[in-house]
Amino acid sequence: MSETLAPREVFQELIEGITAGRYSELAELYAEDAAVETVFEPVGPRRTEGRAALKERFAAVSAHSPVELTATNVVIRETDDPEVIVAEWNYQVHHRVTGRNFEVANIQVLRVRDGLIVSSRDFHDHLALIVAGGDLPQLVAALDGK
C-alpha cells in the first residue's frame, strides 16, 4: 500500500512534473471531480472541472506550448486548514519561438484530500507569456470580439 502524499508533497510533484515537461502525468495528481480555476486567464475557460478535462488540457499544453518552464524561489505556506496550502514561485521561462527568456510570478491555492488535488485557484501571469510570444495583438482582437 502506498503512502498518501501531504499537500506540500503533492504540490512538489506537480511543479516538478511541469518543470520536467511531464504533462501527460499531471492529471493523475487530481481527484476525479477536481476543479481548477485560472483566475487571470484572459481568454478561454477560467474553470476546468474533472480529471478527464484536466488531462485534455495538459495534453493540449504539451502539444502546443512554446515555452519551457523552470520553477524557482518556491515557497509553500501551510494554513490553518490541513488540506490547504498556498504556494508562491517564479517560473524562469524560455520561449522557444521568440527566443526570449524572462520570469513570471505564480501563486496557487491548493486543497489536497487523500493525496489528490480537489481544488486549485491558480494565479499565473498569463499576460507576460502572451506578450513574450508576440501574441498581444491576437489577444486584443479576441477580447474585442467578445
Protein backbone atom coordinates (compact mmCIF):
# COMPACT_ATOMS: atom_id res chain seq x y z
CA MET A 1 0.00 0.00 0.00
CA SER A 2 1.43 3.37 -0.98
CA GLU A 3 1.66 6.27 1.40
CA THR A 4 -0.74 9.17 0.85
CA LEU A 5 1.12 12.35 -0.02
CA ALA A 6 0.68 15.50 2.05
CA PRO A 7 -0.46 18.70 0.28
CA ARG A 8 3.10 20.05 0.23
CA GLU A 9 4.36 16.83 -1.39
CA VAL A 10 1.58 16.84 -4.00
CA PHE A 11 2.48 20.40 -4.98
CA GLN A 12 6.14 19.39 -5.27
CA GLU A 13 5.14 16.53 -7.61
CA LEU A 14 3.07 18.98 -9.68
CA ILE A 15 5.79 21.61 -10.02
CA GLU A 16 8.49 19.02 -10.75
CA GLY A 17 6.28 17.46 -13.44
CA ILE A 18 5.70 20.83 -15.08
CA THR A 19 9.38 21.75 -14.96
CA ALA A 20 10.31 18.37 -16.48
CA GLY A 21 7.61 18.70 -19.16
CA ARG A 22 5.83 15.53 -17.99
CA TYR A 23 2.37 16.93 -18.72
CA SER A 24 0.91 13.50 -19.51
CA GLU A 25 1.36 12.50 -15.85
CA LEU A 26 -0.07 15.61 -14.18
CA ALA A 27 -3.78 14.76 -14.31
CA GLU A 28 -3.12 11.81 -12.01
CA LEU A 29 -2.37 14.28 -9.21
CA TYR A 30 -6.01 15.49 -9.33
CA ALA A 31 -9.19 13.94 -7.93
CA GLU A 32 -11.79 12.69 -10.43
CA ASP A 33 -14.02 15.69 -9.63
CA ALA A 34 -11.28 18.31 -9.15
CA ALA A 35 -11.95 21.92 -10.06
CA VAL A 36 -9.20 24.26 -11.26
CA GLU A 37 -9.71 28.00 -11.64
CA THR A 38 -7.17 30.02 -13.62
CA VAL A 39 -8.20 33.38 -12.26
CA PHE A 40 -6.12 35.62 -14.55
CA GLU A 41 -6.72 33.69 -17.79
CA PRO A 42 -7.52 36.49 -20.26
CA VAL A 43 -9.47 34.33 -22.75
CA GLY A 44 -10.82 30.83 -22.78
CA PRO A 45 -12.26 28.94 -19.88
CA ARG A 46 -11.22 30.10 -16.44
CA ARG A 47 -12.56 26.95 -14.80
CA THR A 48 -11.81 23.33 -15.65
CA GLU A 49 -13.72 20.55 -13.90
CA GLY A 50 -12.80 16.90 -13.64
CA ARG A 51 -9.65 14.85 -14.12
CA ALA A 52 -10.62 13.95 -17.70
CA ALA A 53 -10.91 17.62 -18.71
CA LEU A 54 -7.62 18.38 -16.96
CA LYS A 55 -5.96 15.53 -18.83
CA GLU A 56 -7.15 17.06 -22.12
CA ARG A 57 -5.91 20.49 -21.07
CA PHE A 58 -2.48 19.15 -20.10
CA ALA A 59 -2.28 17.26 -23.41
CA ALA A 60 -3.01 20.48 -25.30
CA VAL A 61 -0.33 22.33 -23.33
CA SER A 62 2.15 19.55 -24.02
CA ALA A 63 1.41 19.56 -27.74
CA HIS A 64 1.26 23.32 -28.34
CA SER A 65 3.17 25.17 -25.63
CA PRO A 66 6.09 27.17 -26.97
CA VAL A 67 7.62 27.64 -23.51
CA GLU A 68 9.98 25.78 -21.23
CA LEU A 69 9.31 26.47 -17.54
CA THR A 70 11.73 26.14 -14.64
CA ALA A 71 10.38 26.77 -11.16
CA THR A 72 12.50 28.91 -8.83
CA ASN A 73 12.06 30.63 -5.47
CA VAL A 74 9.36 28.17 -4.39
CA VAL A 75 7.73 28.97 -1.05
CA ILE A 76 4.96 26.74 0.30
CA ARG A 77 2.82 28.05 3.14
CA GLU A 78 0.64 25.79 5.20
CA THR A 79 -2.64 27.16 6.52
CA ASP A 80 -4.94 26.54 9.47
CA ASP A 81 -6.75 24.04 7.26
CA PRO A 82 -4.53 20.93 6.92
CA GLU A 83 -5.86 20.31 3.38
CA VAL A 84 -4.92 23.77 2.08
CA ILE A 85 -1.55 25.19 1.09
CA VAL A 86 -0.54 28.38 -0.67
CA ALA A 87 2.44 28.10 -2.99
CA GLU A 88 4.35 31.05 -4.41
CA TRP A 89 7.09 30.73 -7.01
CA ASN A 90 8.59 32.13 -10.16
CA TYR A 91 8.99 30.45 -13.49
CA GLN A 92 12.14 31.10 -15.46
CA VAL A 93 10.67 30.96 -18.94
CA HIS A 94 12.36 30.24 -22.25
CA HIS A 95 10.13 30.95 -25.23
CA ARG A 96 11.25 28.56 -27.96
CA VAL A 97 9.70 30.55 -30.81
CA THR A 98 10.86 34.08 -29.94
CA GLY A 99 13.99 33.05 -28.03
CA ARG A 100 13.02 35.33 -25.16
CA ASN A 101 13.95 34.48 -21.59
CA PHE A 102 12.05 36.05 -18.73
CA GLU A 103 10.49 35.45 -15.33
CA VAL A 104 6.84 35.23 -14.31
CA ALA A 105 5.29 35.13 -10.85
CA ASN A 106 2.76 32.50 -9.76
CA ILE A 107 0.55 31.68 -6.80
CA GLN A 108 -1.61 28.59 -6.31
CA VAL A 109 -4.05 27.87 -3.52
CA LEU A 110 -4.45 24.09 -3.42
CA ARG A 111 -6.84 21.88 -1.49
CA VAL A 112 -5.48 18.33 -1.29
CA ARG A 113 -7.52 15.48 0.13
CA ASP A 114 -6.33 11.88 0.37
CA GLY A 115 -3.23 12.78 -1.64
CA LEU A 116 -5.12 14.29 -4.59
CA ILE A 117 -5.80 17.89 -5.58
CA VAL A 118 -9.54 18.52 -5.21
CA SER A 119 -9.41 22.24 -5.98
CA SER A 120 -6.92 24.79 -7.15
CA ARG A 121 -7.08 28.54 -7.64
CA ASP A 122 -4.20 29.45 -9.93
CA PHE A 123 -2.84 32.97 -10.27
CA HIS A 124 -0.32 32.89 -13.16
CA ASP A 125 0.93 35.86 -15.18
CA HIS A 126 -0.67 34.81 -18.47
CA LEU A 127 -0.25 38.29 -19.91
CA ALA A 128 3.57 38.09 -19.63
CA LEU A 129 3.51 34.81 -21.56
CA ILE A 130 1.28 36.33 -24.25
CA VAL A 131 3.47 39.41 -24.62
CA ALA A 132 6.67 37.33 -24.79
CA GLY A 133 5.20 35.27 -27.61
CA GLY A 134 4.28 38.38 -29.59
CA ASP A 135 0.62 37.44 -29.32
CA LEU A 136 -0.74 40.65 -27.77
CA PRO A 137 -2.48 41.79 -30.99
CA GLN A 138 -4.32 38.44 -31.20
CA LEU A 139 -5.37 38.78 -27.55
CA VAL A 140 -6.72 42.28 -28.14
CA ALA A 141 -8.62 41.06 -31.19
CA ALA A 142 -10.06 38.14 -29.23
CA LEU A 143 -11.17 40.44 -26.42
CA ASP A 144 -12.71 42.93 -28.89
CA GLY A 145 -14.67 40.06 -30.43
CA LYS A 146 -16.44 39.26 -27.14
